[in-house]
Amino acid sequence: MLKFSCEKSENGFSVYVLRDDGKEIGNATVKENTILSFTYADERVSLLYSEFTLRSLVFLLRDKFDEVKVAFYEPRFERLGFKKQDDGTMRAGKLEINFSGTCEGHCSH
């Protein structure tokens, strides 16, 4: 069974872990309302679950904060309503985030 949840939170940093039958296969690091990174066990896991973890994390953060930021540029966030900033980061207000954007065939591999 696949599970994605916050497993550690300390000093404003949180680690959200993706588990498959209890085994960690990926994680995301967040500082308050800013997504810092995504890490996966291997390329296959990334291909299978990166869209799921990206959308799940944005959903969770949108419920906690008025604005969600990303510390790097990733075009998939644009489909959710994020705008690229001059410094290479991305951001979206909670009312700008839209989950109806297409996954381009990567949502359910």
Protein backbone atom coordinates (compact mmCIF):
# COMPACT_ATOMS: atom_id res chain seq x y z
CA MET A 1 0.00 0.00 0.00
CA LEU A 2 1.27 3.46 -0.94
CA LYS A 3 1.42 6.13 1.79
CA PHE A 4 2.67 9.73 1.67
CA SER A 5 2.77 11.65 4.95
CA CYS A 6 4.79 14.01 7.12
CA GLU A 7 7.09 11.89 9.28
CA LYS A 8 9.35 14.54 10.76
CA SER A 9 8.91 18.22 11.57
CA GLU A 10 11.49 20.30 13.41
CA ASN A 11 12.61 23.96 13.40
CA GLY A 12 10.33 24.81 10.46
CA PHE A 13 11.60 21.92 8.33
CA SER A 14 9.38 18.95 7.48
CA VAL A 15 10.10 15.68 5.71
CA TYR A 16 7.23 14.01 3.87
CA VAL A 17 7.94 10.35 3.14
CA LEU A 18 6.55 8.16 0.38
CA ARG A 19 6.29 4.52 1.46
CA ASP A 20 5.28 1.41 -0.45
CA ASP A 21 4.30 -1.42 1.91
CA GLY A 22 6.27 0.30 4.68
CA LYS A 23 9.49 0.74 2.68
CA GLU A 24 10.65 4.33 2.05
CA ILE A 25 10.85 4.91 -1.70
CA GLY A 26 10.92 8.71 -1.78
CA ASN A 27 10.68 11.89 0.22
CA ALA A 28 10.18 15.62 -0.02
CA THR A 29 11.80 18.26 2.17
CA VAL A 30 9.88 21.42 3.02
CA LYS A 31 10.71 24.54 5.00
CA GLU A 32 7.45 26.06 6.25
CA ASN A 33 5.56 26.79 2.99
CA THR A 34 8.50 26.21 0.60
CA ILE A 35 9.18 22.91 -1.19
CA LEU A 36 12.95 22.42 -1.15
CA SER A 37 13.45 19.03 -2.82
CA PHE A 38 12.08 15.69 -3.94
CA THR A 39 14.20 12.52 -3.71
CA TYR A 40 13.36 9.03 -4.99
CA ALA A 41 14.95 5.61 -4.49
CA ASP A 42 15.59 5.28 -8.23
CA GLU A 43 14.49 6.53 -11.64
CA ARG A 44 11.67 3.96 -11.90
CA VAL A 45 10.14 5.19 -8.63
CA SER A 46 10.49 8.78 -9.83
CA LEU A 47 8.70 7.99 -13.11
CA LEU A 48 5.91 6.14 -11.33
CA TYR A 49 5.26 8.42 -8.36
CA SER A 50 6.70 11.89 -8.90
CA GLU A 51 3.43 13.37 -10.15
CA PHE A 52 1.55 11.81 -7.22
CA THR A 53 3.99 13.18 -4.62
CA LEU A 54 4.13 16.62 -6.26
CA ARG A 55 0.34 16.99 -6.28
CA SER A 56 -0.09 15.46 -2.82
CA LEU A 57 2.46 17.80 -1.27
CA VAL A 58 0.96 20.89 -2.91
CA PHE A 59 -2.47 19.80 -1.66
CA LEU A 60 -1.22 19.39 1.91
CA LEU A 61 0.65 22.72 1.93
CA ARG A 62 -2.23 24.61 0.33
CA ASP A 63 -4.41 23.60 3.27
CA LYS A 64 -1.85 24.96 5.76
CA PHE A 65 -0.63 28.17 4.07
CA ASP A 66 -2.01 31.09 2.05
CA GLU A 67 0.89 30.76 -0.39
CA VAL A 68 2.98 27.77 -1.49
CA LYS A 69 6.50 28.26 -2.84
CA VAL A 70 8.99 26.03 -4.65
CA ALA A 71 12.72 26.68 -4.21
CA PHE A 72 13.46 25.58 -7.80
CA TYR A 73 11.84 25.67 -11.23
CA GLU A 74 9.83 22.61 -12.29
CA PRO A 75 7.43 23.03 -15.25
CA ARG A 76 4.87 20.58 -13.81
CA PHE A 77 4.05 23.14 -11.10
CA GLU A 78 2.91 25.56 -13.81
CA ARG A 79 0.00 23.21 -14.65
CA LEU A 80 -1.14 23.68 -11.04
CA GLY A 81 -1.10 27.49 -11.27
CA PHE A 82 2.41 28.27 -10.05
CA LYS A 83 4.30 31.16 -11.63
CA LYS A 84 8.05 31.25 -12.19
CA GLN A 85 9.76 34.11 -10.35
CA ASP A 86 12.76 36.14 -11.53
CA ASP A 87 15.03 34.31 -9.05
CA GLY A 88 14.14 30.88 -10.50
CA THR A 89 11.75 29.91 -7.74
CA MET A 90 8.00 29.38 -8.13
CA ARG A 91 4.97 30.45 -6.12
CA ALA A 92 1.19 30.32 -6.08
CA GLY A 93 -1.48 31.65 -3.75
CA LYS A 94 -3.80 29.02 -2.34
CA LEU A 95 -6.66 30.33 -4.51
CA GLU A 96 -4.47 30.16 -7.65
CA ILE A 97 -3.68 26.46 -7.20
CA ASN A 98 -5.74 24.33 -9.55
CA PHE A 99 -5.59 20.53 -9.58
CA SER A 100 -7.55 20.10 -12.81
CA GLY A 101 -4.37 20.63 -14.89
CA THR A 102 -3.40 17.70 -17.06
CA CYS A 103 -0.77 15.18 -15.99
CA GLU A 104 0.18 14.60 -19.64
CA GLY A 105 -0.24 10.87 -19.16
CA HIS A 106 2.02 10.63 -16.10
CA CYS A 107 -0.62 10.43 -13.37
CA SER A 108 -1.41 6.74 -13.42
CA HIS A 109 1.53 4.69 -14.67
